[in-house]
Protein backbone atom coordinates (compact mmCIF):
# COMPACT_ATOMS: atom_id res chain seq x y z
CA UNK A 1 -0.01 -0.03 0.00
CA UNK A 2 1.43 3.43 -0.97
CA UNK A 3 1.51 6.27 1.64
CA UNK A 4 1.43 9.94 0.90
CA UNK A 5 1.77 12.76 3.35
CA UNK A 6 0.14 16.17 2.75
CA UNK A 7 2.27 19.28 3.17
CA UNK A 8 0.54 19.98 6.53
CA UNK A 9 1.38 16.56 7.74
CA UNK A 10 4.98 16.87 6.62
CA UNK A 11 5.26 20.16 8.40
CA UNK A 12 3.87 18.61 11.66
CA UNK A 13 6.35 15.81 11.38
CA UNK A 14 9.29 18.17 11.08
CA UNK A 15 8.14 20.27 14.01
CA UNK A 16 7.84 17.38 16.51
CA UNK A 17 10.69 15.60 18.21
CA UNK A 18 12.58 13.18 15.95
CA UNK A 19 11.82 10.12 18.09
CA UNK A 20 8.08 10.85 18.06
CA UNK A 21 8.08 11.47 14.29
CA UNK A 22 9.86 8.08 13.81
CA UNK A 23 7.26 6.34 16.07
CA UNK A 24 4.39 7.86 14.11
CA UNK A 25 5.85 7.03 10.71
CA UNK A 26 6.54 3.46 11.87
CA UNK A 27 2.94 3.10 13.06
CA UNK A 28 1.64 4.40 9.66
CA UNK A 29 3.99 1.99 7.78
CA UNK A 30 2.89 -0.86 9.98
CA UNK A 31 -0.82 -0.15 9.30
CA UNK A 32 -0.21 0.08 5.60
CA UNK A 33 1.71 -3.27 5.61
CA UNK A 34 -0.59 -5.35 7.73
CA UNK A 35 -3.76 -3.42 8.36
CA UNK A 36 -3.30 -3.70 12.19
CA UNK A 37 -3.32 -0.85 14.59
CA UNK A 38 -5.61 1.24 16.75
CA UNK A 39 -7.70 2.60 13.77
CA UNK A 40 -11.21 3.87 13.84
CA UNK A 41 -13.49 5.45 11.27
CA UNK A 42 -14.54 8.96 12.27
CA UNK A 43 -18.30 9.55 12.56
CA UNK A 44 -19.60 12.10 10.13
CA UNK A 45 -16.35 12.27 8.12
CA UNK A 46 -14.67 10.24 5.36
CA UNK A 47 -11.52 9.99 7.47
CA UNK A 48 -9.92 7.46 9.78
CA UNK A 49 -7.73 7.99 12.77
CA UNK A 50 -4.71 6.03 13.94
CA UNK A 51 -3.82 6.37 17.58
CA UNK A 52 -0.13 6.47 18.50
CA UNK A 53 0.17 7.13 22.15
CA UNK A 54 -1.06 10.68 22.76
CA UNK A 55 -0.87 11.56 19.07
CA UNK A 56 -3.48 11.01 16.35
CA UNK A 57 -2.96 10.58 12.64
CA UNK A 58 -5.87 11.47 10.39
CA UNK A 59 -5.95 9.79 7.06
CA UNK A 60 -8.06 8.75 4.07
CA UNK A 61 -7.94 5.34 2.37
CA UNK A 62 -8.44 4.79 -1.27
CA UNK A 63 -9.38 1.16 -2.09
CA UNK A 64 -6.51 -0.41 -0.13
CA UNK A 65 -4.03 1.03 -2.62
CA UNK A 66 -3.20 4.45 -1.07
CA UNK A 67 -3.14 6.01 2.32
CA UNK A 68 -3.15 9.87 2.34
CA UNK A 69 -2.08 11.19 5.80
CA UNK A 70 -3.96 14.45 6.21
CA UNK A 71 -3.07 15.67 9.73
CA UNK A 72 -0.99 14.82 12.76
CA UNK A 73 -1.39 16.32 16.23
CA UNK A 74 -1.96 15.73 19.91
CA UNK A 75 -5.29 13.97 20.71
CA UNK A 76 -7.04 17.14 21.73
CA UNK A 77 -6.08 19.43 18.92
CA UNK A 78 -6.06 17.35 15.73
CA UNK A 79 -9.81 17.04 15.26
CA UNK A 80 -10.38 20.80 15.16
């Protein structure tokens, strides 16, 4: 499965500590490879969220071929 990061997601990754960014990217890669992880579909939206500790990754799936990471942030701020 191919993974793409929006410019906003890339900017968020650069702004956070390197260890946290690596952990988040590893979780996204793991989900893309095996489909496992703490993932839920968001109600009222076409997006999914992946929980990585206190961080959330918002993404869209396109027919199990592509994952587009839209936003990254702490659990309280990313949904706004």
